[in-house]
Protein backbone atom coordinates (compact mmCIF):
# COMPACT_ATOMS: atom_id res chain seq x y z
CA MET A 1 327.29 54.17 100.48
CA SER A 2 326.25 50.69 101.59
CA ASP A 3 324.15 48.19 99.66
CA LYS A 4 320.60 48.13 101.09
CA LYS A 5 318.52 46.13 98.64
CA VAL A 6 318.34 44.67 95.18
CA ILE A 7 318.49 47.34 92.48
CA SER A 8 315.79 46.48 89.98
CA ALA A 9 315.75 47.14 86.24
CA PRO A 10 315.44 49.50 84.45
CA ALA A 11 317.67 51.42 86.86
CA MET A 12 320.67 53.31 85.48
CA LEU A 13 324.05 51.74 86.19
CA GLY A 14 327.41 53.46 85.80
CA MET A 15 330.61 52.23 84.15
CA LEU A 16 333.94 53.99 84.60
CA GLY A 17 335.84 53.28 81.40
CA GLY A 18 334.69 52.80 77.83
CA GLY A 19 336.91 50.03 76.49
CA GLN A 20 335.94 46.52 75.46
CA LEU A 21 335.42 45.38 79.06
CA GLY A 22 332.96 48.23 79.54
CA ARG A 23 331.28 47.35 76.25
CA PHE A 24 330.62 43.77 77.37
CA PHE A 25 329.30 45.15 80.68
CA VAL A 26 326.83 47.35 78.79
CA ILE A 27 325.67 44.34 76.75
CA ALA A 28 325.16 42.25 79.89
CA ALA A 29 323.35 45.07 81.68
CA HIS A 30 321.02 45.63 78.73
CA GLU A 31 320.21 41.91 78.60
CA LEU A 32 319.13 42.13 82.25
CA GLY A 33 317.02 45.20 81.53
CA TYR A 34 319.27 47.93 82.95
CA LYS A 35 320.43 51.19 81.40
CA VAL A 36 324.07 52.27 81.51
CA THR A 37 325.96 55.54 81.72
CA VAL A 38 329.57 55.27 80.56
CA LEU A 39 332.24 57.79 81.56
CA ASP A 40 335.16 57.84 79.12
CA PRO A 41 337.07 60.72 77.51
CA ASP A 42 337.18 59.02 74.08
CA LYS A 43 334.19 60.05 71.96
CA ASN A 44 334.55 56.79 69.98
CA SER A 45 334.98 54.47 72.96
CA PRO A 46 333.64 50.92 72.39
CA ALA A 47 331.34 51.07 75.44
CA GLY A 48 330.26 54.65 74.82
CA GLN A 49 329.03 53.68 71.34
CA ILE A 50 326.30 51.43 72.79
CA ALA A 51 325.65 53.05 76.19
CA ASP A 52 322.39 54.83 76.99
CA VAL A 53 324.43 57.84 78.11
CA HIS A 54 328.06 58.54 77.25
CA LEU A 55 329.73 61.20 79.36
CA CYS A 56 332.74 62.17 77.27
CA ALA A 57 334.92 63.54 80.05
CA ASN A 58 337.93 62.72 82.21
CA TYR A 59 337.63 60.48 85.25
CA ASP A 60 338.11 63.40 87.63
CA ASP A 61 335.66 65.73 85.87
CA GLU A 62 333.50 67.15 88.66
CA THR A 63 330.43 67.81 86.50
CA ALA A 64 330.43 64.31 85.01
CA LEU A 65 330.97 62.68 88.39
CA ALA A 66 328.16 64.72 89.91
CA GLN A 67 325.84 63.53 87.13
CA MET A 68 326.82 59.89 87.72
CA ALA A 69 326.38 60.26 91.47
CA ALA A 70 322.90 61.70 90.94
CA THR A 71 321.65 59.31 88.25
CA CYS A 72 323.37 55.93 88.73
CA ALA A 73 321.98 53.44 91.23
CA ALA A 74 325.29 51.51 91.23
CA ILE A 75 328.68 51.95 89.58
CA SER A 76 331.60 49.71 88.63
CA THR A 77 334.85 50.06 86.69
CA GLU A 78 336.50 48.34 83.76
CA PHE A 79 340.12 49.24 84.41
CA GLU A 80 342.27 49.78 87.47
CA ASN A 81 343.70 53.17 86.57
CA VAL A 82 340.56 55.11 87.42
CA PRO A 83 341.64 57.42 90.27
CA ALA A 84 340.80 55.93 93.66
CA GLU A 85 339.58 59.40 94.64
CA THR A 86 336.89 59.13 91.96
CA LEU A 87 335.64 55.86 93.45
CA SER A 88 335.72 57.35 96.96
CA PHE A 89 333.66 60.36 95.89
CA LEU A 90 331.06 58.27 94.08
CA ALA A 91 330.82 55.80 96.99
CA GLN A 92 329.56 58.64 99.21
CA HIS A 93 326.49 58.95 96.98
CA THR A 94 325.76 55.52 95.48
CA VAL A 95 326.77 51.85 95.49
CA VAL A 96 330.30 51.37 94.11
CA HIS A 97 332.11 48.05 93.58
CA PRO A 98 334.99 47.37 93.72
CA SER A 99 336.02 49.68 96.56
CA ALA A 100 338.56 52.46 96.28
CA GLU A 101 340.70 50.62 98.84
CA ALA A 102 340.88 47.42 96.77
CA VAL A 103 341.55 49.30 93.54
CA SER A 104 344.30 51.39 95.15
CA ILE A 105 346.15 48.19 96.05
CA ALA A 106 345.77 46.69 92.58
CA GLN A 107 346.86 49.86 90.76
CA TYR A 108 350.12 50.23 92.68
CA ARG A 109 352.52 47.30 92.33
CA VAL A 110 354.40 48.11 95.54
CA LYS A 111 351.19 47.86 97.56
CA GLU A 112 350.03 44.83 95.60
CA LYS A 113 353.17 42.76 96.13
CA GLY A 114 353.36 43.88 99.76
CA PHE A 115 349.75 42.85 100.31
CA PHE A 116 350.47 39.36 98.97
CA ARG A 117 353.51 39.00 101.22
CA ASP A 118 351.91 40.48 104.34
CA SER A 119 348.84 38.27 103.89
CA GLY A 120 351.01 35.17 103.93
CA LEU A 121 350.23 34.34 100.30
CA PRO A 122 352.90 32.89 97.98
CA VAL A 123 354.75 35.47 95.86
CA GLY A 124 358.07 35.45 94.03
CA PRO A 125 361.14 37.44 95.15
CA PHE A 126 360.70 41.21 94.62
CA VAL A 127 362.19 44.53 95.73
CA ALA A 128 360.37 47.88 95.90
CA VAL A 129 362.52 50.50 94.16
CA GLN A 130 361.81 54.09 95.17
CA LYS A 131 365.34 55.37 94.55
CA ALA A 132 368.43 54.07 92.76
CA GLU A 133 369.99 52.94 96.05
CA ASP A 134 367.14 50.44 96.49
CA LEU A 135 368.31 48.39 93.50
CA PRO A 136 370.16 45.29 94.74
CA GLN A 137 373.73 45.01 93.50
CA ASP A 138 374.24 41.32 94.17
CA GLY A 139 373.33 38.61 91.70
CA ASP A 140 370.58 36.83 93.64
CA MET A 141 367.79 38.99 92.18
CA TYR A 142 369.03 38.85 88.59
CA PRO A 143 368.00 38.33 85.87
CA ALA A 144 364.84 40.27 86.70
CA VAL A 145 362.05 42.43 85.32
CA LEU A 146 361.81 46.07 86.38
CA LYS A 147 358.22 47.33 86.28
CA VAL A 148 356.88 50.81 86.92
CA ALA A 149 354.63 50.73 89.97
CA ARG A 150 351.74 52.52 88.26
CA PHE A 151 350.01 52.43 84.87
CA GLY A 152 351.91 49.53 83.35
CA TYR A 153 349.87 46.96 81.41
CA ASP A 154 350.21 44.63 78.40
CA GLY A 155 353.99 44.73 78.71
CA LYS A 156 354.23 48.54 78.87
CA GLY A 157 356.47 50.10 81.51
CA GLN A 158 358.55 46.94 81.86
CA ALA A 159 362.17 46.10 81.12
CA ARG A 160 364.09 42.84 81.38
CA VAL A 161 367.42 43.38 83.12
CA ALA A 162 370.31 40.93 83.42
CA ASN A 163 372.24 42.69 86.17
CA TYR A 164 372.51 45.76 88.39
CA THR A 165 373.96 47.94 85.62
CA GLU A 166 371.04 47.21 83.28
CA ALA A 167 368.56 47.70 86.13
CA LEU A 168 370.04 51.11 86.92
CA ALA A 169 369.84 52.13 83.25
CA ALA A 170 366.21 50.94 83.02
CA PHE A 171 365.33 52.83 86.22
CA ASP A 172 366.79 56.00 84.71
CA ASN A 173 364.91 55.31 81.47
CA PHE A 174 361.69 55.18 83.53
CA LYS A 175 362.66 58.64 84.86
CA GLN A 176 363.23 57.09 88.29
CA GLU A 177 359.54 56.46 88.84
CA VAL A 178 358.77 54.11 91.72
CA CYS A 179 359.24 50.57 90.41
CA VAL A 180 359.17 46.95 91.49
CA LEU A 181 362.06 44.63 90.62
CA GLU A 182 360.82 41.06 90.19
CA LYS A 183 363.20 38.12 89.92
CA MET A 184 362.71 36.22 86.66
CA LEU A 185 361.69 32.65 87.33
CA GLU A 186 361.67 29.48 85.25
CA LEU A 187 357.94 29.01 84.69
CA ASP A 188 356.16 25.71 84.15
CA CYS A 189 353.19 27.74 82.89
CA GLU A 190 350.97 30.71 83.70
CA LEU A 191 347.47 30.32 85.14
CA SER A 192 344.66 32.67 86.08
CA VAL A 193 341.41 32.44 87.99
CA VAL A 194 338.61 34.94 87.46
CA LEU A 195 336.08 35.01 90.27
CA ALA A 196 332.96 36.87 91.35
CA ARG A 197 332.53 37.83 95.02
CA ASP A 198 329.41 39.57 96.24
CA ALA A 199 328.79 41.89 99.19
CA GLN A 200 327.77 38.93 101.37
CA GLY A 201 331.06 37.14 100.73
CA ASN A 202 329.66 34.51 98.36
CA ILE A 203 332.17 33.46 95.69
CA ALA A 204 331.63 31.93 92.25
CA ALA A 205 334.99 31.13 90.66
CA PHE A 206 335.33 30.36 86.98
CA PRO A 207 337.51 27.40 85.93
CA THR A 208 341.27 27.85 86.00
CA ALA A 209 342.70 29.12 82.71
CA GLU A 210 346.10 28.38 81.21
CA ASN A 211 347.53 31.49 79.57
CA LYS A 212 350.18 32.13 76.97
CA HIS A 213 351.58 35.62 76.38
CA LEU A 214 353.35 37.20 73.43
CA ASN A 215 355.38 40.39 73.89
CA GLY A 216 353.77 40.95 77.27
CA ILE A 217 350.21 40.71 75.90
CA LEU A 218 347.86 37.80 76.54
CA ASP A 219 347.80 35.71 73.36
CA ILE A 220 345.59 32.72 74.14
CA SER A 221 343.72 31.28 77.12
CA ILE A 222 343.10 27.53 77.30
CA VAL A 223 340.28 26.36 79.57
CA PRO A 224 340.31 24.03 81.37
CA ALA A 225 344.03 24.47 81.99
CA ARG A 226 346.16 21.49 81.00
CA VAL A 227 347.54 20.91 84.49
CA SER A 228 346.63 18.45 87.24
CA GLU A 229 343.24 18.61 88.92
CA VAL A 230 345.08 19.20 92.21
CA LEU A 231 346.88 22.26 90.85
CA LYS A 232 343.69 23.66 89.30
CA ALA A 233 341.92 23.28 92.65
CA LYS A 234 344.83 24.94 94.50
CA ALA A 235 344.68 27.88 92.09
CA GLN A 236 340.97 28.27 92.81
CA GLU A 237 341.56 28.16 96.55
CA LEU A 238 344.41 30.68 96.38
CA ALA A 239 342.28 33.13 94.40
CA LYS A 240 339.42 32.77 96.88
CA GLN A 241 341.76 33.32 99.84
CA LEU A 242 343.11 36.47 98.23
CA ALA A 243 339.65 37.87 97.47
CA THR A 244 338.53 37.20 101.05
CA LYS A 245 341.64 38.77 102.62
CA LEU A 246 341.12 41.81 100.39
CA ASN A 247 337.42 41.88 101.39
CA TYR A 248 336.87 42.27 97.67
CA VAL A 249 333.45 42.83 96.10
CA GLY A 250 333.26 42.55 92.32
CA ILE A 251 335.01 40.61 89.56
CA LEU A 252 338.65 39.83 90.29
CA GLY A 253 341.27 38.45 87.89
CA VAL A 254 344.13 36.66 89.67
CA GLU A 255 347.25 35.85 87.64
CA MET A 256 349.64 33.17 88.88
CA PHE A 257 352.93 31.55 87.93
CA VAL A 258 353.58 27.84 88.29
CA VAL A 259 357.22 27.33 89.32
CA ASP A 260 358.47 23.81 90.10
CA GLY A 261 354.87 22.70 90.41
CA LYS A 262 354.00 25.38 92.97
CA LEU A 263 351.82 28.47 92.66
CA LEU A 264 353.08 32.02 93.05
CA LEU A 265 350.86 35.09 92.75
CA ASN A 266 351.82 37.46 89.95
CA GLU A 267 349.22 40.24 89.96
CA ILE A 268 345.54 41.01 90.32
CA ALA A 269 343.08 42.95 88.19
CA PRO A 270 340.10 44.52 90.05
CA ARG A 271 337.74 44.07 87.08
CA PRO A 272 336.78 41.52 84.45
CA HIS A 273 339.89 40.00 82.92
CA ASN A 274 341.04 39.27 79.38
CA SER A 275 341.58 35.62 80.32
CA GLY A 276 337.92 35.45 81.37
CA HIS A 277 336.55 36.33 77.92
CA TYR A 278 335.95 32.65 77.23
CA THR A 279 333.13 32.78 79.81
CA ILE A 280 330.95 34.70 77.32
CA ASP A 281 330.55 31.59 75.18
CA ALA A 282 331.62 28.67 77.38
CA CYS A 283 329.96 29.29 80.76
CA ILE A 284 326.38 29.50 82.00
CA THR A 285 326.98 32.99 83.41
CA ASN A 286 329.78 35.13 82.01
CA GLN A 287 332.06 37.44 83.98
CA PHE A 288 330.26 40.58 82.81
CA GLU A 289 326.82 39.37 83.83
CA GLN A 290 328.30 38.50 87.23
CA GLN A 291 329.60 42.07 87.45
CA VAL A 292 326.08 43.40 86.84
CA ARG A 293 324.61 40.95 89.34
CA ILE A 294 327.08 41.96 92.05
CA ILE A 295 326.57 45.72 91.89
CA THR A 296 322.76 45.37 91.70
CA GLY A 297 322.52 42.88 94.57
CA LEU A 298 321.23 40.04 92.40
CA PRO A 299 322.35 36.51 93.34
CA LEU A 300 325.48 35.22 91.62
CA GLY A 301 324.90 33.04 88.57
CA SER A 302 326.44 29.62 87.97
CA ALA A 303 330.06 29.76 86.82
CA HIS A 304 329.84 26.24 85.35
CA GLN A 305 331.75 25.72 82.10
CA HIS A 306 329.73 23.71 79.57
CA SER A 307 332.34 23.56 76.76
CA ALA A 308 336.10 23.34 76.49
CA ALA A 309 337.31 26.70 75.21
CA VAL A 310 340.32 28.45 73.72
CA MET A 311 340.20 32.25 73.55
CA VAL A 312 342.49 33.96 71.02
CA ASN A 313 343.17 37.69 71.17
CA ILE A 314 342.99 39.50 67.84
CA LEU A 315 345.45 42.39 67.74
CA GLY A 316 345.65 45.20 65.24
CA ASP A 317 348.60 43.37 63.66
CA SER A 318 346.06 41.16 61.85
CA TRP A 319 345.05 44.16 59.71
CA PHE A 320 348.60 44.81 58.44
CA HIS A 321 349.63 42.68 55.47
CA GLY A 322 352.79 42.08 53.47
CA GLU A 323 356.06 43.97 53.34
CA LYS A 324 354.27 47.27 52.66
CA ASN A 325 352.06 46.85 55.72
CA SER A 326 348.91 47.36 53.67
CA VAL A 327 345.88 47.77 55.92
CA LEU A 328 343.25 45.17 54.99
CA GLU A 329 340.36 43.64 56.90
CA PRO A 330 341.25 40.12 58.11
CA ALA A 331 339.63 37.19 56.32
CA TRP A 332 336.82 36.66 58.82
CA ASN A 333 335.02 34.35 56.39
CA LYS A 334 337.95 31.93 56.52
CA ALA A 335 338.05 31.79 60.31
CA LEU A 336 334.27 31.60 60.60
CA GLN A 337 334.04 28.51 58.42
CA HIS A 338 334.76 26.67 61.67
CA GLY A 339 331.25 26.28 63.07
CA ALA A 340 332.23 26.08 66.72
CA LEU A 341 333.91 29.47 66.76
CA LYS A 342 332.51 32.72 68.16
CA LEU A 343 333.93 36.07 66.98
CA HIS A 344 333.77 39.25 69.06
CA LEU A 345 334.98 42.55 67.60
CA TYR A 346 335.19 45.57 69.89
CA GLY A 347 334.15 48.42 67.60
CA LYS A 348 337.50 50.21 67.75
CA GLN A 349 337.87 52.76 64.98
CA GLU A 350 341.50 52.28 64.04
CA PRO A 351 343.63 49.11 63.97
CA ARG A 352 347.08 49.60 65.48
CA LYS A 353 349.77 47.05 66.08
CA ALA A 354 349.56 45.49 69.57
CA ARG A 355 346.08 47.02 70.06
CA LYS A 356 343.36 44.59 71.15
CA MET A 357 340.73 44.78 68.43
CA GLY A 358 338.71 41.69 69.30
CA HIS A 359 338.89 38.02 70.16
CA PHE A 360 337.43 34.72 69.13
CA THR A 361 336.64 31.66 71.19
CA ALA A 362 336.80 28.13 69.80
CA LEU A 363 334.54 25.63 71.55
CA GLY A 364 334.28 21.85 71.77
CA ASP A 365 334.49 18.79 73.98
CA ASN A 366 338.23 18.10 73.99
CA VAL A 367 340.55 20.96 74.93
CA ASP A 368 343.48 19.74 72.78
CA GLU A 369 341.26 19.46 69.71
CA VAL A 370 339.80 22.90 70.43
CA LEU A 371 343.30 24.39 70.74
CA ASN A 372 344.26 22.96 67.36
CA GLN A 373 341.07 24.34 65.80
CA ALA A 374 341.75 27.79 67.29
CA LEU A 375 345.31 27.92 65.96
CA VAL A 376 344.18 26.85 62.50
CA ALA A 377 341.45 29.53 62.52
CA ARG A 378 343.94 32.21 63.51
CA SER A 379 346.34 31.19 60.75
CA GLU A 380 343.51 31.65 58.25
CA LEU A 381 342.86 35.29 59.11
CA HIS A 382 345.53 36.28 56.56
CA ILE A 383 344.53 33.81 53.84
CA GLY A 384 343.27 35.50 50.70
CA GLU A 385 345.38 38.65 51.01
């Protein structure tokens, strides 16, 4: 269903997914006067806790989808593994962004990498692996990372392989699911650009972030990135080109590698992105408000960054202390003694190792000083055990 006009508050909006990204969407929508229906099968989902309506059902539940189609003036999603068929069905009845077509590319690595290549955009060496015979036996592609084509995130469904023999074993371990083999590259650093693109093609891109990962999970984002102004600008332009070629409408996270000073696309996320969390505290309009603005037809807000920022993910590991792994609440009072620090906890019921439980953002004028402050604050979460 096409966008016809601005959707005014207090209309009901829909969110597919009840995690922390959905929770921040609900907060942004409420601040603009809208109501929100969240569809998520977890009765304790972070977004469902604060939504006006929580439909506790699967993403292909016909009754729940019919209710959303009938009651929601516009719908978006917070993660890429919502079935594209669900988006297609809802789009027949109401405004839906991003489109099923865009999400189907982002949720299938074979399509995603192929789209980059076929669009003439820079991407590292890769091979689509649908059967064992597709795995290259020569050494040019190794060492590499074998990734399942669907449902892999935060390091899940991935295996580092040094040669053909290890790749074959990993492929068997993944039960011969369709995979992508990506050549491992010597990285200068990792960057990302989160942007907002509306139905008219207007784009507001947030500043380029420098990202550091730990065990396949985003650890910290440093903004502005500590690379040249030229490279930051090129990253912005590459992200905008990609969004335009995809005819994308919504919030798009674009991850990139810097190899020998040049940019290569890694992957895209058709939703707000973890590396864009800093926008909540450091930008005039955050990524979640932009998401609300886009689906309701409101004009995009300014993406200007008013403070240097370092975002630190807080994983469930911070609750486990000592050799006995005693579960204790982190020492928030220690971290919060730093006045220019903003803490965001997601309302998840149970801390688990490697589970994203929250984040904090340190703010200031100088990015190196802010980074130091953020690392000190994180180290203090365990003080006073």
